Amino acid sequence: MTTYKIKNPIISLLLVFIFFTSCNGQTSTSKTTNNINSTDTTEQHPKIVRTQGTQSEVVGCQLLDKDGNLWFSISGEGAYRYDGKIFTNFTTKNGLCSNNVSAIIQDKSGNILIGTNNGICKYDGKSFTKFPVPDTLSITCMLEDKDENLWFGTMGKGIYRYNGKTLDNFLNSNKQEYNLGENNQLILDILQDKNGNLWFSSWNGGGVWRFDGINFKNFLPSADYYKANQDKRNFNNPQSTFEISPSTTYSPLQDHITDDMIFSMTEDNLGNIWFATRNHGICRYNGKTFTSIGRNEGFNSGGAMAILQDNKNNFWITTADIGVWFYDGKTFKNFTENDGLVNNAVMSVLKDKNGNLWFGTKWFGLSRFDGKTFTTFSQYDN
């Protein structure tokens, strides 16, 4: 663990950002606020539109705030807030530190924290200020824990914890035999479970970590996963203790997670942790064993992007290739473009205050599902 003392409360940040978008942000400003682009249309409902002329493709569903507003991100287009009537677009013209937004959360004080490729901005409902983090980090995800510490993942630099005074770095030199010496972890998601443990998911072969406040525990697949080249990184190299064996078959084991690349995580109302994996469907952890849920169980997709439990305790799983899957714990049902979904490359999902589901997709797609019908809420590029 490396500790940095923050001397300057506002540090100018320049981060190199390359990112997917995920789901989590707050507060309202008047729709007449100067220099804020509002989408106001005579159509039946408003739509997100491009204001910066980018060719961005992924809409990230980020946050339902305390006031019931929804927040979305689009790389190059800044942040969007939807109050149920209009979309308000926040960009650098309004004080946002960058238009490349990667994560949005709301802190306990009600401020909106926006992670970008130029660091983190704080929005208090009126103006933006920069958050004190080093200028060498690229933000990928954020979470404020129960003790009001801010945790954020980075592009290849592990994770950081800011307690208001010091910044502590973790998983930035985590040596392990499985990830080809990629010790500086790319963290895509952070979760705090009901017991207070923090979970961190890796997208460069690190699996997931659980932090109990003192120690990190790393969860990785079994040795057969690597011997059978399920990670697709070929371990016939001097850094590895494994050699690929053509005769090795891989079957998920209950004492190991099913994949070492995890896009996102969620905790259900029973305390189980669900993992959206790269190539091995969904994985559920009950605190003792891992259960693989994939093609054999009816989930006919290689990997998953996001998992959400709805108000009726059913699960919705998004995929980058064949739309959205509904799972009631026993059977799966698939929803695609044929059902009205804007497109099948669904990267994120968010639940609003009324229980409607919002799906962010590639190619500037945003769909709302009210339980019966999908409605497109973006200027979608067909």
Protein backbone atom coordinates (compact mmCIF):
# COMPACT_ATOMS: atom_id res chain seq x y z
CA MET A 1 0.00 0.00 0.00
CA THR A 2 1.30 3.42 -0.99
CA THR A 3 0.10 6.52 0.84
CA TYR A 4 0.00 10.03 -0.63
CA LYS A 5 -0.53 13.19 1.38
CA ILE A 6 -2.85 15.60 -0.37
CA LYS A 7 -1.53 19.13 0.04
CA ASN A 8 -3.54 21.01 -2.56
CA PRO A 9 -7.32 20.58 -2.28
CA ILE A 10 -7.80 21.19 -6.00
CA ILE A 11 -5.31 19.52 -8.35
CA SER A 12 -5.39 19.89 -12.09
CA LEU A 13 -5.77 16.39 -13.57
CA LEU A 14 -4.80 15.07 -16.97
CA LEU A 15 -5.84 11.41 -17.36
CA VAL A 16 -5.54 9.22 -20.42
CA PHE A 17 -8.98 7.69 -20.76
CA ILE A 18 -10.14 4.76 -22.83
CA PHE A 19 -13.30 3.30 -21.41
CA PHE A 20 -16.46 1.40 -21.52
CA THR A 21 -19.29 2.94 -19.52
CA SER A 22 -21.25 1.43 -16.68
CA CYS A 23 -24.13 2.38 -14.38
CA ASN A 24 -24.31 4.93 -11.23
CA GLY A 25 -24.97 10.36 -10.07
CA GLN A 26 -27.59 13.58 -8.57
CA THR A 27 -29.10 17.01 -7.88
CA SER A 28 -31.06 19.36 -10.01
CA THR A 29 -30.30 22.68 -11.61
CA SER A 30 -32.88 24.78 -13.34
CA LYS A 31 -33.39 23.87 -16.97
CA THR A 32 -32.89 27.56 -17.73
CA THR A 33 -29.36 27.60 -16.25
CA ASN A 34 -26.99 29.41 -18.61
CA ASN A 35 -24.79 27.35 -20.93
CA ILE A 36 -26.56 24.09 -20.19
CA ASN A 37 -27.89 22.32 -23.28
CA SER A 38 -31.39 20.97 -22.68
CA THR A 39 -33.16 18.58 -24.99
CA ASP A 40 -36.67 19.98 -25.41
CA THR A 41 -38.75 18.40 -28.12
CA THR A 42 -42.33 18.35 -29.32
CA GLU A 43 -42.19 14.57 -29.72
CA GLN A 44 -44.03 12.32 -27.28
CA HIS A 45 -40.91 12.08 -25.16
CA PRO A 46 -37.48 13.75 -25.06
CA LYS A 47 -34.34 12.11 -26.38
CA ILE A 48 -30.64 12.39 -25.67
CA VAL A 49 -28.94 14.13 -28.58
CA ARG A 50 -25.31 14.81 -29.41
CA THR A 51 -24.17 18.33 -28.61
CA GLN A 52 -20.40 17.99 -29.16
CA GLY A 53 -20.37 16.42 -32.61
CA THR A 54 -18.66 13.23 -31.50
CA GLN A 55 -19.07 9.75 -32.92
CA SER A 56 -19.39 8.23 -29.45
CA GLU A 57 -21.27 5.00 -29.33
CA VAL A 58 -21.91 3.81 -25.75
CA VAL A 59 -24.58 5.29 -23.47
CA GLY A 60 -23.73 4.56 -19.84
CA CYS A 61 -26.61 4.32 -17.36
CA GLN A 62 -24.95 5.69 -14.25
CA LEU A 63 -27.17 6.74 -11.33
CA LEU A 64 -30.60 7.25 -9.82
CA ASP A 65 -30.04 10.19 -7.46
CA LYS A 66 -31.83 11.06 -4.21
CA ASP A 67 -34.19 13.41 -6.05
CA GLY A 68 -35.23 10.75 -8.54
CA ASN A 69 -33.16 12.10 -11.43
CA LEU A 70 -31.37 9.72 -13.75
CA TRP A 71 -27.78 10.33 -14.83
CA PHE A 72 -26.17 9.04 -18.02
CA SER A 73 -22.73 9.35 -19.57
CA ILE A 74 -21.47 9.33 -23.14
CA SER A 75 -17.74 9.60 -23.81
CA GLY A 76 -17.02 12.91 -25.50
CA GLU A 77 -20.53 14.23 -24.81
CA GLY A 78 -20.29 14.80 -21.06
CA ALA A 79 -23.02 13.90 -18.56
CA TYR A 80 -26.81 13.95 -18.96
CA ARG A 81 -29.42 14.35 -16.24
CA TYR A 82 -33.04 13.33 -16.85
CA ASP A 83 -35.70 14.74 -14.51
CA GLY A 84 -38.61 12.91 -16.12
CA LYS A 85 -39.30 15.76 -18.53
CA ILE A 86 -36.06 16.88 -20.17
CA PHE A 87 -32.45 15.81 -20.53
CA THR A 88 -29.91 18.38 -19.35
CA ASN A 89 -26.43 18.05 -20.83
CA PHE A 90 -23.39 19.08 -18.74
CA THR A 91 -20.08 19.66 -20.57
CA THR A 92 -16.84 21.57 -20.12
CA LYS A 93 -18.78 24.71 -21.04
CA ASN A 94 -20.54 24.35 -17.69
CA GLY A 95 -17.33 23.63 -15.75
CA LEU A 96 -17.14 19.86 -16.12
CA CYS A 97 -13.46 18.86 -16.06
CA SER A 98 -13.78 16.73 -19.21
CA ASN A 99 -16.44 15.59 -21.64
CA ASN A 100 -15.14 12.02 -21.40
CA VAL A 101 -17.19 10.74 -18.47
CA SER A 102 -16.63 7.25 -17.09
CA ALA A 103 -18.53 7.09 -13.77
CA ILE A 104 -21.10 9.10 -11.80
CA ILE A 105 -22.04 8.63 -8.13
CA GLN A 106 -23.72 10.66 -5.39
CA ASP A 107 -22.01 11.12 -2.04
CA LYS A 108 -23.65 11.19 1.39
CA SER A 109 -23.80 14.99 1.29
CA GLY A 110 -25.77 14.94 -1.95
CA ASN A 111 -22.94 16.07 -4.22
CA ILE A 112 -22.55 14.44 -7.63
CA LEU A 113 -19.06 13.09 -8.28
CA ILE A 114 -18.21 12.62 -11.94
CA GLY A 115 -15.17 10.56 -12.96
CA THR A 116 -13.57 11.56 -16.25
CA ASN A 117 -10.31 11.28 -18.14
CA ASN A 118 -9.31 14.57 -16.49
CA GLY A 119 -9.98 13.37 -12.99
CA ILE A 120 -13.02 13.73 -10.77
CA CYS A 121 -15.39 16.70 -10.69
CA LYS A 122 -17.78 17.51 -7.84
CA TYR A 123 -21.13 19.09 -8.67
CA ASP A 124 -23.02 20.67 -5.79
CA GLY A 125 -26.14 21.45 -7.78
CA LYS A 126 -24.86 24.84 -8.87
CA SER A 127 -21.24 24.58 -9.98
CA PHE A 128 -18.39 22.16 -10.66
CA THR A 129 -15.12 21.97 -8.74
CA LYS A 130 -12.21 19.58 -9.18
CA PHE A 131 -11.70 16.80 -6.69
CA PRO A 132 -8.20 16.33 -5.16
CA VAL A 133 -6.74 13.24 -6.83
CA PRO A 134 -3.38 12.76 -8.60
CA ASP A 135 -3.10 13.91 -12.18
CA THR A 136 -1.68 10.60 -13.44
CA LEU A 137 -4.80 8.49 -12.96
CA SER A 138 -7.59 7.53 -15.35
CA ILE A 139 -10.85 6.95 -13.49
CA THR A 140 -12.94 3.90 -14.34
CA CYS A 141 -15.40 3.48 -11.42
CA MET A 142 -16.20 5.02 -8.02
CA LEU A 143 -17.89 4.17 -4.73
CA GLU A 144 -18.34 5.97 -1.41
CA ASP A 145 -18.24 3.39 1.39
CA LYS A 146 -20.26 3.34 4.63
CA ASP A 147 -17.52 5.34 6.38
CA GLU A 148 -17.63 8.01 3.63
CA ASN A 149 -14.26 7.05 2.15
CA LEU A 150 -14.15 7.50 -1.62
CA TRP A 151 -12.84 4.49 -3.54
CA PHE A 152 -12.10 4.68 -7.24
CA GLY A 153 -10.71 2.29 -9.83
CA THR A 154 -8.19 3.33 -12.41
CA MET A 155 -6.94 2.39 -15.83
CA GLY A 156 -4.03 0.09 -14.97
CA LYS A 157 -3.10 1.62 -11.60
CA GLY A 158 -5.20 -0.44 -9.24
CA ILE A 159 -7.58 1.19 -6.78
CA TYR A 160 -7.41 4.23 -4.53
CA ARG A 161 -9.07 5.21 -1.28
CA TYR A 162 -9.44 8.87 -0.31
CA ASN A 163 -10.43 9.55 3.31
CA GLY A 164 -10.55 13.32 3.00
CA LYS A 165 -6.88 13.77 3.88
CA THR A 166 -4.75 11.00 2.41
CA LEU A 167 -4.91 8.85 -0.71
CA ASP A 168 -4.03 5.16 -0.36
CA ASN A 169 -3.21 2.96 -3.33
CA PHE A 170 -3.94 -0.80 -3.48
CA LEU A 171 -3.50 -3.57 -6.06
CA ASN A 172 -0.86 -1.59 -7.90
CA SER A 173 1.91 -4.17 -7.46
CA ASN A 174 -0.12 -7.28 -6.80
CA LYS A 175 2.06 -10.18 -7.93
CA GLN A 176 0.27 -13.32 -8.97
CA GLU A 177 1.12 -16.13 -11.34
CA TYR A 178 -1.99 -15.97 -13.46
CA ASN A 179 -2.08 -12.55 -15.06
CA LEU A 180 1.22 -12.50 -16.97
CA GLY A 181 2.83 -9.95 -14.74
CA GLU A 182 0.07 -7.38 -15.25
CA ASN A 183 0.40 -6.33 -11.64
CA ASN A 184 -1.23 -2.93 -12.06
CA GLN A 185 -4.87 -3.90 -12.15
CA LEU A 186 -7.55 -2.42 -14.41
CA ILE A 187 -10.55 -2.19 -12.07
CA LEU A 188 -13.98 -1.88 -13.70
CA ASP A 189 -16.40 -2.11 -10.78
CA ILE A 190 -16.56 -1.64 -7.00
CA LEU A 191 -19.23 -3.03 -4.67
CA GLN A 192 -19.77 -2.87 -0.91
CA ASP A 193 -21.80 -5.81 0.38
CA LYS A 194 -24.23 -5.92 3.30
CA ASN A 195 -21.46 -7.06 5.65
CA GLY A 196 -19.29 -4.07 4.77
CA ASN A 197 -16.81 -5.98 2.61
CA LEU A 198 -15.59 -4.23 -0.53
CA TRP A 199 -15.35 -6.10 -3.83
CA PHE A 200 -13.24 -5.07 -6.82
CA SER A 201 -13.49 -6.61 -10.28
CA SER A 202 -10.60 -6.78 -12.75
CA TRP A 203 -10.66 -6.63 -16.54
CA ASN A 204 -7.04 -7.69 -17.12
CA GLY A 205 -6.95 -11.16 -15.63
CA GLY A 206 -7.09 -10.36 -11.93
CA GLY A 207 -10.46 -11.95 -11.16
CA VAL A 208 -12.03 -10.25 -8.14
CA TRP A 209 -10.78 -9.14 -4.74
CA ARG A 210 -12.66 -8.92 -1.45
CA PHE A 211 -11.42 -6.44 1.14
CA ASP A 212 -12.58 -6.86 4.76
CA GLY A 213 -10.97 -3.62 5.93
CA ILE A 214 -7.66 -5.28 6.71
CA ASN A 215 -6.82 -7.90 4.10
CA PHE A 216 -7.49 -8.52 0.42
CA LYS A 217 -8.57 -11.97 -0.69
CA ASN A 218 -8.20 -12.75 -4.41
CA PHE A 219 -10.67 -15.06 -6.19
CA LEU A 220 -9.43 -16.69 -9.41
CA PRO A 221 -10.52 -19.66 -11.51
CA SER A 222 -9.07 -23.15 -11.01
CA ALA A 223 -5.76 -24.25 -12.56
CA ASP A 224 -7.68 -26.13 -15.27
CA TYR A 225 -9.07 -22.82 -16.50
CA TYR A 226 -5.54 -21.71 -17.39
CA LYS A 227 -4.29 -25.09 -18.58
CA ALA A 228 -7.22 -25.25 -20.99
CA ASN A 229 -6.43 -21.69 -22.19
CA GLN A 230 -9.86 -20.39 -21.17
CA ASP A 231 -8.26 -17.02 -20.46
CA LYS A 232 -7.08 -16.81 -24.11
CA ARG A 233 -3.71 -15.44 -23.06
CA ASN A 234 -1.57 -18.53 -23.69
CA PHE A 235 0.50 -19.34 -20.63
CA ASN A 236 3.39 -21.01 -22.47
CA ASN A 237 5.76 -18.29 -21.33
CA PRO A 238 8.54 -17.96 -18.74
CA GLN A 239 6.37 -15.95 -16.35
CA SER A 240 3.87 -18.75 -15.82
CA THR A 241 3.95 -21.99 -13.87
CA PHE A 242 1.31 -23.41 -16.24
CA GLU A 243 1.55 -24.89 -19.70
CA ILE A 244 -1.47 -25.26 -21.92
CA SER A 245 -2.51 -28.88 -22.19
CA PRO A 246 -4.69 -29.90 -25.18
CA SER A 247 -6.14 -32.71 -23.07
CA THR A 248 -7.29 -30.43 -20.26
CA THR A 249 -11.00 -29.78 -20.07
CA TYR A 250 -12.47 -26.99 -18.05
CA SER A 251 -15.49 -27.46 -15.83
CA PRO A 252 -16.33 -24.74 -13.31
CA LEU A 253 -15.70 -25.77 -9.72
CA GLN A 254 -17.76 -24.58 -6.76
CA ASP A 255 -14.71 -23.39 -4.86
CA HIS A 256 -13.48 -21.16 -7.72
CA ILE A 257 -14.92 -18.23 -9.65
CA THR A 258 -15.62 -19.13 -13.28
CA ASP A 259 -13.64 -16.41 -15.11
CA ASP A 260 -10.74 -14.07 -14.37
CA MET A 261 -12.20 -11.08 -16.23
CA ILE A 262 -15.28 -9.59 -14.56
CA PHE A 263 -17.12 -6.66 -16.10
CA SER A 264 -19.46 -5.83 -13.21
CA MET A 265 -20.96 -7.10 -9.94
CA THR A 266 -24.18 -6.82 -7.96
CA GLU A 267 -25.51 -8.06 -4.62
CA ASP A 268 -29.02 -9.51 -4.45
CA ASN A 269 -31.50 -9.13 -1.60
CA LEU A 270 -30.30 -12.40 -0.04
CA GLY A 271 -26.67 -11.27 0.09
CA ASN A 272 -25.42 -13.33 -2.86
CA ILE A 273 -22.81 -11.65 -5.07
CA TRP A 274 -23.36 -11.95 -8.84
CA PHE A 275 -20.55 -11.55 -11.35
CA ALA A 276 -20.92 -10.66 -15.04
CA THR A 277 -18.03 -12.52 -16.67
CA ARG A 278 -16.25 -12.13 -19.99
CA ASN A 279 -16.69 -15.64 -21.45
CA HIS A 280 -18.40 -17.82 -18.86
CA GLY A 281 -21.88 -16.43 -18.41
CA ILE A 282 -22.94 -15.43 -14.91
CA CYS A 283 -21.40 -16.54 -11.64
CA ARG A 284 -23.13 -16.39 -8.24
CA TYR A 285 -21.34 -16.53 -4.89
CA ASN A 286 -23.24 -17.30 -1.67
CA GLY A 287 -20.29 -16.75 0.65
CA LYS A 288 -19.16 -20.37 0.44
CA THR A 289 -19.50 -21.68 -3.10
CA PHE A 290 -19.61 -20.35 -6.66
CA THR A 291 -22.44 -21.38 -8.98
CA SER A 292 -21.99 -21.13 -12.74
CA ILE A 293 -25.03 -20.02 -14.75
CA GLY A 294 -24.43 -20.31 -18.48
CA ARG A 295 -25.57 -22.05 -21.63
CA ASN A 296 -26.47 -25.25 -19.80
CA GLU A 297 -28.91 -23.28 -17.67
CA GLY A 298 -30.44 -21.41 -20.63
CA PHE A 299 -28.30 -18.28 -20.72
CA ASN A 300 -27.37 -18.52 -24.38
CA SER A 301 -24.56 -15.98 -24.42
CA GLY A 302 -20.86 -16.31 -23.75
CA GLY A 303 -20.52 -13.38 -21.40
CA ALA A 304 -22.46 -10.67 -19.61
CA MET A 305 -22.01 -6.92 -19.12
CA ALA A 306 -24.33 -6.02 -16.23
CA ILE A 307 -26.77 -7.66 -13.81
CA LEU A 308 -29.68 -5.99 -12.00
CA GLN A 309 -32.34 -7.32 -9.63
CA ASP A 310 -35.76 -5.72 -10.19
CA ASN A 311 -38.53 -4.88 -7.73
CA LYS A 312 -39.98 -8.39 -8.09
CA ASN A 313 -36.59 -10.02 -7.35
CA ASN A 314 -36.10 -11.13 -10.94
CA PHE A 315 -32.75 -10.56 -12.65
CA TRP A 316 -31.93 -8.71 -15.85
CA ILE A 317 -28.63 -9.50 -17.57
CA THR A 318 -27.28 -7.41 -20.43
CA THR A 319 -24.99 -8.70 -23.17
CA ALA A 320 -22.89 -7.12 -25.90
CA ASP A 321 -24.26 -9.37 -28.61
CA ILE A 322 -27.80 -10.68 -28.08
CA GLY A 323 -29.66 -8.11 -26.08
CA VAL A 324 -31.12 -8.52 -22.59
CA TRP A 325 -31.99 -11.66 -20.62
CA PHE A 326 -34.70 -11.94 -17.99
CA TYR A 327 -34.06 -14.59 -15.30
CA ASP A 328 -36.58 -15.57 -12.63
CA GLY A 329 -34.21 -17.98 -10.92
CA LYS A 330 -35.40 -20.92 -12.99
CA THR A 331 -35.78 -19.95 -16.63
CA PHE A 332 -34.44 -17.33 -19.03
CA LYS A 333 -36.24 -15.13 -21.53
CA ASN A 334 -34.40 -13.10 -24.17
CA PHE A 335 -35.36 -9.58 -25.33
CA THR A 336 -33.81 -8.18 -28.53
CA GLU A 337 -34.37 -5.61 -31.25
CA ASN A 338 -37.33 -7.70 -32.39
CA ASP A 339 -39.04 -6.81 -29.11
CA GLY A 340 -38.36 -3.09 -29.46
CA LEU A 341 -34.94 -2.84 -27.77
CA VAL A 342 -32.96 -0.10 -29.49
CA ASN A 343 -30.17 -2.57 -30.36
CA ASN A 344 -28.65 -5.82 -29.10
CA ALA A 345 -25.31 -4.46 -27.81
CA VAL A 346 -26.47 -3.59 -24.29
CA MET A 347 -23.70 -2.41 -21.97
CA SER A 348 -25.53 -1.16 -18.85
CA VAL A 349 -28.82 -1.13 -16.98
CA LEU A 350 -30.42 1.18 -14.39
CA LYS A 351 -33.70 1.08 -12.45
CA ASP A 352 -35.65 4.30 -11.94
CA LYS A 353 -37.86 5.30 -8.99
CA ASN A 354 -40.93 3.76 -10.65
CA GLY A 355 -39.28 0.43 -11.33
CA ASN A 356 -38.77 1.05 -15.05
CA LEU A 357 -35.54 -0.31 -16.49
CA TRP A 358 -33.18 1.76 -18.63
CA PHE A 359 -30.70 0.08 -20.96
CA GLY A 360 -27.65 1.85 -22.40
CA THR A 361 -26.25 0.41 -25.60
CA LYS A 362 -23.61 0.92 -28.22
CA TRP A 363 -24.27 3.26 -31.14
CA PHE A 364 -25.87 5.94 -28.99
CA GLY A 365 -28.77 3.78 -27.87
CA LEU A 366 -30.95 4.27 -24.78
CA SER A 367 -34.11 2.21 -24.16
CA ARG A 368 -36.65 2.30 -21.33
CA PHE A 369 -38.66 -0.82 -20.48
CA ASP A 370 -41.87 -0.32 -18.49
CA GLY A 371 -42.61 -4.01 -18.12
CA LYS A 372 -44.45 -4.20 -21.41
CA THR A 373 -42.88 -1.92 -23.99
CA PHE A 374 -39.41 -0.69 -24.95
CA THR A 375 -39.18 3.03 -25.79
CA THR A 376 -36.12 4.65 -27.39
CA PHE A 377 -34.86 7.75 -25.55
CA SER A 378 -31.87 8.65 -27.72
CA GLN A 379 -31.12 10.01 -31.15
CA TYR A 380 -30.18 6.52 -32.23
CA ASP A 381 -27.85 5.94 -35.19
CA ASN A 382 -29.42 3.17 -37.21
